[in-house]
PDB file of N, CA and C in Angstrom:
ATOM      1  N   MET A   1     108.768  98.331 164.610  1.00  0.00           N
ATOM      2  CA  MET A   1     109.295  99.548 165.200  1.00  0.00           C
ATOM      3  C   MET A   1     109.082  99.456 166.709  1.00  0.00           C
ATOM      4  N   ASN A   2     110.148  99.670 167.477  1.00  0.00           N
ATOM      5  CA  ASN A   2     110.007  99.584 168.923  1.00  0.00           C
ATOM      6  C   ASN A   2     109.497 100.910 169.503  1.00  0.00           C
ATOM      7  N   GLN A   3     109.221 100.897 170.792  1.00  0.00           N
ATOM      8  CA  GLN A   3     108.616 102.064 171.473  1.00  0.00           C
ATOM      9  C   GLN A   3     109.478 103.321 171.327  1.00  0.00           C
ATOM     10  N   SER A   4     110.790 103.176 171.489  1.00  0.00           N
ATOM     11  CA  SER A   4     111.697 104.320 171.407  1.00  0.00           C
ATOM     12  C   SER A   4     111.694 104.935 170.000  1.00  0.00           C
ATOM     13  N   GLN A   5     111.703 104.088 168.988  1.00  0.00           N
ATOM     14  CA  GLN A   5     111.675 104.587 167.616  1.00  0.00           C
ATOM     15  C   GLN A   5     110.354 105.297 167.325  1.00  0.00           C
ATOM     16  N   GLU A   6     109.266 104.754 167.853  1.00  0.00           N
ATOM     17  CA  GLU A   6     107.952 105.371 167.674  1.00  0.00           C
ATOM     18  C   GLU A   6     107.913 106.748 168.331  1.00  0.00           C
ATOM     19  N   GLU A   7     108.463 106.856 169.539  1.00  0.00           N
ATOM     20  CA  GLU A   7     108.509 108.142 170.244  1.00  0.00           C
ATOM     21  C   GLU A   7     109.356 109.151 169.473  1.00  0.00           C
ATOM     22  N   ASP A   8     110.513 108.710 168.961  1.00  0.00           N
ATOM     23  CA  ASP A   8     111.378 109.589 168.174  1.00  0.00           C
ATOM     24  C   ASP A   8     110.661 110.082 166.924  1.00  0.00           C
ATOM     25  N   LYS A   9     109.933 109.177 166.254  1.00  0.00           N
ATOM     26  CA  LYS A   9     109.188 109.558 165.051  1.00  0.00           C
ATOM     27  C   LYS A   9     108.128 110.603 165.395  1.00  0.00           C
ATOM     28  N   ASN A  10     107.405 110.381 166.483  1.00  0.00           N
ATOM     29  CA  ASN A  10     106.364 111.331 166.885  1.00  0.00           C
ATOM     30  C   ASN A  10     106.951 112.686 167.278  1.00  0.00           C
ATOM     31  N   LYS A  11     108.094 112.689 167.947  1.00  0.00           N
ATOM     32  CA  LYS A  11     108.747 113.952 168.308  1.00  0.00           C
ATOM     33  C   LYS A  11     109.160 114.719 167.051  1.00  0.00           C
ATOM     34  N   PHE A  12     109.599 113.970 166.043  1.00  0.00           N
ATOM     35  CA  PHE A  12     109.998 114.609 164.790  1.00  0.00           C
ATOM     36  C   PHE A  12     108.793 115.152 164.025  1.00  0.00           C
ATOM     37  N   LEU A  13     107.753 114.330 163.901  1.00  0.00           N
ATOM     38  CA  LEU A  13     106.575 114.730 163.130  1.00  0.00           C
ATOM     39  C   LEU A  13     105.707 115.763 163.853  1.00  0.00           C
ATOM     40  N   TYR A  14     105.664 115.679 165.164  1.00  0.00           N
ATOM     41  CA  TYR A  14     104.791 116.559 165.956  1.00  0.00           C
ATOM     42  C   TYR A  14     105.587 117.229 167.071  1.00  0.00           C
ATOM     43  N   PRO A  15     106.509 118.123 166.707  1.00  0.00           N
ATOM     44  CA  PRO A  15     107.333 118.755 167.742  1.00  0.00           C
ATOM     45  C   PRO A  15     106.488 119.657 168.646  1.00  0.00           C
ATOM     46  N   ARG A  16     106.900 119.765 169.870  1.00  0.00           N
ATOM     47  CA  ARG A  16     106.221 120.628 170.836  1.00  0.00           C
ATOM     48  C   ARG A  16     107.202 121.687 171.297  1.00  0.00           C
ATOM     49  N   GLY A  17     106.773 122.939 171.223  1.00  0.00           N
ATOM     50  CA  GLY A  17     107.597 124.027 171.717  1.00  0.00           C
ATOM     51  C   GLY A  17     107.414 124.189 173.214  1.00  0.00           C
ATOM     52  N   ARG A  18     108.379 124.810 173.845  1.00  0.00           N
ATOM     53  CA  ARG A  18     108.277 125.082 175.286  1.00  0.00           C
ATOM     54  C   ARG A  18     107.227 126.142 175.530  1.00  0.00           C
ATOM     55  N   TYR A  19     106.667 126.114 176.712  1.00  0.00           N
ATOM     56  CA  TYR A  19     105.660 127.105 177.095  1.00  0.00           C
ATOM     57  C   TYR A  19     106.289 128.067 178.083  1.00  0.00           C
ATOM     58  N   TYR A  20     106.205 129.359 177.794  1.00  0.00           N
ATOM     59  CA  TYR A  20     106.833 130.369 178.635  1.00  0.00           C
ATOM     60  C   TYR A  20     105.820 131.270 179.338  1.00  0.00           C
ATOM     61  N   GLY A  21     104.546 131.029 179.142  1.00  0.00           N
ATOM     62  CA  GLY A  21     103.514 131.878 179.731  1.00  0.00           C
ATOM     63  C   GLY A  21     103.237 131.537 181.182  1.00  0.00           C
ATOM     64  N   GLN A  22     102.159 132.129 181.693  1.00  0.00           N
ATOM     65  CA  GLN A  22     101.726 131.877 183.061  1.00  0.00           C
ATOM     66  C   GLN A  22     101.306 130.415 183.172  1.00  0.00           C
ATOM     67  N   VAL A  23     101.910 129.701 184.115  1.00  0.00           N
ATOM     68  CA  VAL A  23     101.660 128.263 184.233  1.00  0.00           C
ATOM     69  C   VAL A  23     100.372 128.026 185.013  1.00  0.00           C
ATOM     70  N   LYS A  24      99.345 127.730 184.245  1.00  0.00           N
ATOM     71  CA  LYS A  24      98.047 127.344 184.784  1.00  0.00           C
ATOM     72  C   LYS A  24      97.574 126.186 183.911  1.00  0.00           C
ATOM     73  N   PRO A  25      96.846 125.235 184.489  1.00  0.00           N
ATOM     74  CA  PRO A  25      96.428 124.071 183.693  1.00  0.00           C
ATOM     75  C   PRO A  25      95.728 124.448 182.393  1.00  0.00           C
ATOM     76  N   GLU A  26      94.807 125.410 182.444  1.00  0.00           N
ATOM     77  CA  GLU A  26      94.078 125.769 181.226  1.00  0.00           C
ATOM     78  C   GLU A  26      94.991 126.394 180.178  1.00  0.00           C
ATOM     79  N   ASN A  27      96.002 127.135 180.607  1.00  0.00           N
ATOM     80  CA  ASN A  27      96.945 127.719 179.654  1.00  0.00           C
ATOM     81  C   ASN A  27      97.789 126.641 178.987  1.00  0.00           C
ATOM     82  N   LEU A  28      98.204 125.649 179.767  1.00  0.00           N
ATOM     83  CA  LEU A  28      99.002 124.562 179.206  1.00  0.00           C
ATOM     84  C   LEU A  28      98.193 123.733 178.205  1.00  0.00           C
ATOM     85  N   VAL A  29      96.943 123.468 178.541  1.00  0.00           N
ATOM     86  CA  VAL A  29      96.081 122.707 177.635  1.00  0.00           C
ATOM     87  C   VAL A  29      95.853 123.500 176.353  1.00  0.00           C
ATOM     88  N   PHE A  30      95.563 124.805 176.489  1.00  0.00           N
ATOM     89  CA  PHE A  30      95.322 125.612 175.299  1.00  0.00           C
ATOM     90  C   PHE A  30      96.582 125.710 174.444  1.00  0.00           C
ATOM     91  N   ASN A  31      97.732 125.833 175.077  1.00  0.00           N
ATOM     92  CA  ASN A  31      98.978 125.899 174.329  1.00  0.00           C
ATOM     93  C   ASN A  31      99.184 124.629 173.506  1.00  0.00           C
ATOM     94  N   ALA A  32      98.890 123.476 174.091  1.00  0.00           N
ATOM     95  CA  ALA A  32      99.019 122.214 173.361  1.00  0.00           C
ATOM     96  C   ALA A  32      98.052 122.190 172.176  1.00  0.00           C
ATOM     97  N   LYS A  33      96.825 122.660 172.389  1.00  0.00           N
ATOM     98  CA  LYS A  33      95.832 122.691 171.309  1.00  0.00           C
ATOM     99  C   LYS A  33      96.246 123.682 170.217  1.00  0.00           C
ATOM    100  N   LEU A  34      96.829 124.800 170.613  1.00  0.00           N
ATOM    101  CA  LEU A  34      97.290 125.798 169.651  1.00  0.00           C
ATOM    102  C   LEU A  34      98.437 125.240 168.794  1.00  0.00           C
ATOM    103  N   GLN A  35      99.359 124.526 169.422  1.00  0.00           N
ATOM    104  CA  GLN A  35     100.460 123.922 168.667  1.00  0.00           C
ATOM    105  C   GLN A  35      99.939 122.851 167.707  1.00  0.00           C
ATOM    106  N   GLU A  36      98.965 122.080 168.163  1.00  0.00           N
ATOM    107  CA  GLU A  36      98.365 121.062 167.295  1.00  0.00           C
ATOM    108  C   GLU A  36      97.673 121.723 166.106  1.00  0.00           C
ATOM    109  N   PHE A  37      96.960 122.834 166.355  1.00  0.00           N
ATOM    110  CA  PHE A  37      96.311 123.593 165.289  1.00  0.00           C
ATOM    111  C   PHE A  37      97.343 124.035 164.261  1.00  0.00           C
ATOM    112  N   ALA A  38      98.439 124.608 164.732  1.00  0.00           N
ATOM    113  CA  ALA A  38      99.472 125.112 163.827  1.00  0.00           C
ATOM    114  C   ALA A  38     100.066 123.980 162.980  1.00  0.00           C
ATOM    115  N   GLN A  39     100.297 122.829 163.592  1.00  0.00           N
ATOM    116  CA  GLN A  39     100.859 121.702 162.854  1.00  0.00           C
ATOM    117  C   GLN A  39      99.891 121.205 161.786  1.00  0.00           C
ATOM    118  N   LYS A  40      98.611 121.114 162.127  1.00  0.00           N
ATOM    119  CA  LYS A  40      97.622 120.654 161.157  1.00  0.00           C
ATOM    120  C   LYS A  40      97.459 121.646 160.014  1.00  0.00           C
ATOM    121  N   VAL A  41      97.471 122.937 160.327  1.00  0.00           N
ATOM    122  CA  VAL A  41      97.372 123.961 159.274  1.00  0.00           C
ATOM    123  C   VAL A  41      98.584 123.865 158.348  1.00  0.00           C
ATOM    124  N   ALA A  42      99.759 123.650 158.917  1.00  0.00           N
ATOM    125  CA  ALA A  42     100.963 123.515 158.096  1.00  0.00           C
ATOM    126  C   ALA A  42     100.846 122.316 157.156  1.00  0.00           C
ATOM    127  N   MET A  43     100.304 121.222 157.657  1.00  0.00           N
ATOM    128  CA  MET A  43     100.144 120.029 156.813  1.00  0.00           C
ATOM    129  C   MET A  43      99.128 120.283 155.697  1.00  0.00           C
ATOM    130  N   ILE A  44      98.026 120.917 156.037  1.00  0.00           N
ATOM    131  CA  ILE A  44      96.985 121.206 155.043  1.00  0.00           C
ATOM    132  C   ILE A  44      97.526 122.143 153.970  1.00  0.00           C
ATOM    133  N   THR A  45      98.235 123.191 154.380  1.00  0.00           N
ATOM    134  CA  THR A  45      98.756 124.135 153.394  1.00  0.00           C
ATOM    135  C   THR A  45      99.807 123.480 152.503  1.00  0.00           C
ATOM    136  N   SER A  46     100.596 122.576 153.066  1.00  0.00           N
ATOM    137  CA  SER A  46     101.575 121.848 152.240  1.00  0.00           C
ATOM    138  C   SER A  46     100.874 120.970 151.214  1.00  0.00           C
ATOM    139  N   LEU A  47      99.831 120.265 151.643  1.00  0.00           N
ATOM    140  CA  LEU A  47      99.079 119.430 150.707  1.00  0.00           C
ATOM    141  C   LEU A  47      98.443 120.267 149.607  1.00  0.00           C
ATOM    142  N   GLU A  48      97.899 121.410 149.980  1.00  0.00           N
ATOM    143  CA  GLU A  48      97.264 122.287 148.977  1.00  0.00           C
ATOM    144  C   GLU A  48      98.310 122.857 148.032  1.00  0.00           C
ATOM    145  N   SER A  49      99.427 123.281 148.568  1.00  0.00           N
ATOM    146  CA  SER A  49     100.487 123.866 147.734  1.00  0.00           C
ATOM    147  C   SER A  49     101.049 122.870 146.734  1.00  0.00           C
ATOM    148  N   ASN A  50     101.048 121.592 147.105  1.00  0.00           N
ATOM    149  CA  ASN A  50     101.581 120.554 146.236  1.00  0.00           C
ATOM    150  C   ASN A  50     100.523 119.909 145.350  1.00  0.00           C
ATOM    151  N   GLY A  51      99.323 120.488 145.340  1.00  0.00           N
ATOM    152  CA  GLY A  51      98.282 120.000 144.450  1.00  0.00           C
ATOM    153  C   GLY A  51      97.593 118.734 144.916  1.00  0.00           C
ATOM    154  N   LYS A  52      97.798 118.337 146.152  1.00  0.00           N
ATOM    155  CA  LYS A  52      97.190 117.109 146.675  1.00  0.00           C
ATOM    156  C   LYS A  52      95.833 117.369 147.314  1.00  0.00           C
ATOM    157  N   LEU A  53      95.500 118.649 147.506  1.00  0.00           N
ATOM    158  CA  LEU A  53      94.254 119.021 148.163  1.00  0.00           C
ATOM    159  C   LEU A  53      93.678 120.244 147.457  1.00  0.00           C
ATOM    160  N   ASP A  54      92.407 120.195 147.162  1.00  0.00           N
ATOM    161  CA  ASP A  54      91.717 121.303 146.519  1.00  0.00           C
ATOM    162  C   ASP A  54      91.735 122.533 147.436  1.00  0.00           C
ATOM    163  N   PRO A  55      91.952 123.741 146.892  1.00  0.00           N
ATOM    164  CA  PRO A  55      91.981 124.942 147.730  1.00  0.00           C
ATOM    165  C   PRO A  55      90.723 125.130 148.572  1.00  0.00           C
ATOM    166  N   LYS A  56      89.558 124.836 147.999  1.00  0.00           N
ATOM    167  CA  LYS A  56      88.314 124.989 148.769  1.00  0.00           C
ATOM    168  C   LYS A  56      88.268 124.014 149.933  1.00  0.00           C
ATOM    169  N   GLU A  57      88.727 122.783 149.693  1.00  0.00           N
ATOM    170  CA  GLU A  57      88.750 121.778 150.765  1.00  0.00           C
ATOM    171  C   GLU A  57      89.749 122.182 151.841  1.00  0.00           C
ATOM    172  N   ALA A  58      90.902 122.706 151.434  1.00  0.00           N
ATOM    173  CA  ALA A  58      91.899 123.166 152.399  1.00  0.00           C
ATOM    174  C   ALA A  58      91.313 124.277 153.264  1.00  0.00           C
ATOM    175  N   TYR A  59      90.629 125.213 152.625  1.00  0.00           N
ATOM    176  CA  TYR A  59      89.996 126.307 153.360  1.00  0.00           C
ATOM    177  C   TYR A  59      88.975 125.771 154.364  1.00  0.00           C
ATOM    178  N   GLN A  60      88.140 124.849 153.922  1.00  0.00           N
ATOM    179  CA  GLN A  60      87.108 124.290 154.807  1.00  0.00           C
ATOM    180  C   GLN A  60      87.733 123.561 155.995  1.00  0.00           C
ATOM    181  N   GLN A  61      88.789 122.820 155.736  1.00  0.00           N
ATOM    182  CA  GLN A  61      89.449 122.097 156.827  1.00  0.00           C
ATOM    183  C   GLN A  61      90.058 123.059 157.843  1.00  0.00           C
ATOM    184  N   ILE A  62      90.705 124.112 157.344  1.00  0.00           N
ATOM    185  CA  ILE A  62      91.308 125.088 158.252  1.00  0.00           C
ATOM    186  C   ILE A  62      90.229 125.850 159.009  1.00  0.00           C
ATOM    187  N   LYS A  63      89.138 126.169 158.327  1.00  0.00           N
ATOM    188  CA  LYS A  63      88.018 126.851 158.983  1.00  0.00           C
ATOM    189  C   LYS A  63      87.460 125.998 160.128  1.00  0.00           C
ATOM    190  N   GLU A  64      87.327 124.695 159.901  1.00  0.00           N
ATOM    191  CA  GLU A  64      86.828 123.782 160.941  1.00  0.00           C
ATOM    192  C   GLU A  64      87.816 123.683 162.101  1.00  0.00           C
ATOM    193  N   LEU A  65      89.096 123.613 161.799  1.00  0.00           N
ATOM    194  CA  LEU A  65      90.101 123.589 162.864  1.00  0.00           C
ATOM    195  C   LEU A  65      90.050 124.866 163.696  1.00  0.00           C
ATOM    196  N   TRP A  66      89.844 126.012 163.016  1.00  0.00           N
ATOM    197  CA  TRP A  66      89.751 127.294 163.713  1.00  0.00           C
ATOM    198  C   TRP A  66      88.537 127.308 164.654  1.00  0.00           C
ATOM    199  N   LYS A  67      87.416 126.789 164.193  1.00  0.00           N
ATOM    200  CA  LYS A  67      86.223 126.716 165.042  1.00  0.00           C
ATOM    201  C   LYS A  67      86.489 125.866 166.279  1.00  0.00           C
ATOM    202  N   GLN A  68      87.179 124.751 166.080  1.00  0.00           N
ATOM    203  CA  GLN A  68      87.509 123.874 167.202  1.00  0.00           C
ATOM    204  C   GLN A  68      88.420 124.579 168.196  1.00  0.00           C
ATOM    205  N   LEU A  69      89.395 125.333 167.687  1.00  0.00           N
ATOM    206  CA  LEU A  69      90.313 126.065 168.563  1.00  0.00           C
ATOM    207  C   LEU A  69      89.573 127.148 169.339  1.00  0.00           C
ATOM    208  N   LYS A  70      88.682 127.875 168.674  1.00  0.00           N
ATOM    209  CA  LYS A  70      87.887 128.899 169.352  1.00  0.00           C
ATOM    210  C   LYS A  70      87.017 128.285 170.440  1.00  0.00           C
ATOM    211  N   HIS A  71      86.434 127.121 170.142  1.00  0.00           N
ATOM    212  CA  HIS A  71      85.607 126.425 171.128  1.00  0.00           C
ATOM    213  C   HIS A  71      86.450 126.022 172.342  1.00  0.00           C
ATOM    214  N   SER A  72      87.644 125.521 172.100  1.00  0.00           N
ATOM    215  CA  SER A  72      88.541 125.147 173.193  1.00  0.00           C
ATOM    216  C   SER A  72      88.886 126.355 174.057  1.00  0.00           C
ATOM    217  N   LYS A  73      89.163 127.474 173.404  1.00  0.00           N
ATOM    218  CA  LYS A  73      89.493 128.703 174.129  1.00  0.00           C
ATOM    219  C   LYS A  73      88.337 129.112 175.034  1.00  0.00           C
ATOM    220  N   LYS A  74      87.145 129.044 174.498  1.00  0.00           N
ATOM    221  CA  LYS A  74      85.963 129.412 175.274  1.00  0.00           C
ATOM    222  C   LYS A  74      85.742 128.438 176.431  1.00  0.00           C
ATOM    223  N   GLU A  75      85.839 127.138 176.146  1.00  0.00           N
ATOM    224  CA  GLU A  75      85.629 126.117 177.177  1.00  0.00           C
ATOM    225  C   GLU A  75      86.649 126.223 178.309  1.00  0.00           C
ATOM    226  N   LEU A  76      87.881 126.574 177.969  1.00  0.00           N
ATOM    227  CA  LEU A  76      88.936 126.690 178.971  1.00  0.00           C
ATOM    228  C   LEU A  76      88.909 128.031 179.699  1.00  0.00           C
ATOM    229  N   GLY A  77      88.112 128.972 179.194  1.00  0.00           N
ATOM    230  CA  GLY A  77      88.018 130.284 179.834  1.00  0.00           C
ATOM    231  C   GLY A  77      89.242 131.154 179.608  1.00  0.00           C
ATOM    232  N   ILE A  78      89.952 130.911 178.543  1.00  0.00           N
ATOM    233  CA  ILE A  78      91.142 131.704 178.225  1.00  0.00           C
ATOM    234  C   ILE A  78      90.706 133.096 177.799  1.00  0.00           C
ATOM    235  N   GLY A  79      91.294 134.118 178.443  1.00  0.00           N
ATOM    236  CA  GLY A  79      90.994 135.505 178.093  1.00  0.00           C
ATOM    237  C   GLY A  79      89.762 136.057 178.761  1.00  0.00           C
ATOM    238  N   ASN A  80      89.122 135.290 179.636  1.00  0.00           N
ATOM    239  CA  ASN A  80      87.918 135.786 180.304  1.00  0.00           C
ATOM    240  C   ASN A  80      88.197 136.572 181.575  1.00  0.00           C
ATOM    241  N   GLU A  81      89.366 136.340 182.182  1.00  0.00           N
ATOM    242  CA  GLU A  81      89.673 137.032 183.425  1.00  0.00           C
ATOM    243  C   GLU A  81      90.135 138.461 183.128  1.00  0.00           C
ATOM    244  N   PRO A  82      89.794 139.389 184.006  1.00  0.00           N
ATOM    245  CA  PRO A  82      90.223 140.777 183.783  1.00  0.00           C
ATOM    246  C   PRO A  82      91.737 140.877 183.930  1.00  0.00           C
ATOM    247  N   PRO A  83      92.353 141.803 183.219  1.00  0.00           N
ATOM    248  CA  PRO A  83      93.816 141.952 183.315  1.00  0.00           C
ATOM    249  C   PRO A  83      94.209 142.367 184.719  1.00  0.00           C
ATOM    250  N   THR A  84      95.344 141.850 185.185  1.00  0.00           N
ATOM    251  CA  THR A  84      95.846 142.215 186.511  1.00  0.00           C
ATOM    252  C   THR A  84      96.729 143.433 186.392  1.00  0.00           C
ATOM    253  N   THR A  85      96.681 144.271 187.406  1.00  0.00           N
ATOM    254  CA  THR A  85      97.547 145.462 187.428  1.00  0.00           C
ATOM    255  C   THR A  85      98.710 145.208 188.358  1.00  0.00           C
ATOM    256  N   ALA A  86      99.880 145.559 187.886  1.00  0.00           N
ATOM    257  CA  ALA A  86     101.071 145.304 188.684  1.00  0.00           C
ATOM    258  C   ALA A  86     101.624 146.593 189.237  1.00  0.00           C
TER     259      ALA A  86
END
């Protein structure tokens, strides 16, 4: 498989949505992590729904992903700044 085919496969398997929020580095990083979280949860739920993954294991995996996402949010300081008044 050449580089172009590999890129096409990755775009198909791991699509990225556009970001429309306030453009700040931490927001862009968190958005990428949030999209990755959503993709992994979708894969886990599909495996569980098709009987390939035990429900308890699926829950534990999603719980761990959620902890990682919360940690990323905290590390990036997302939501820590006071709201701006316009």
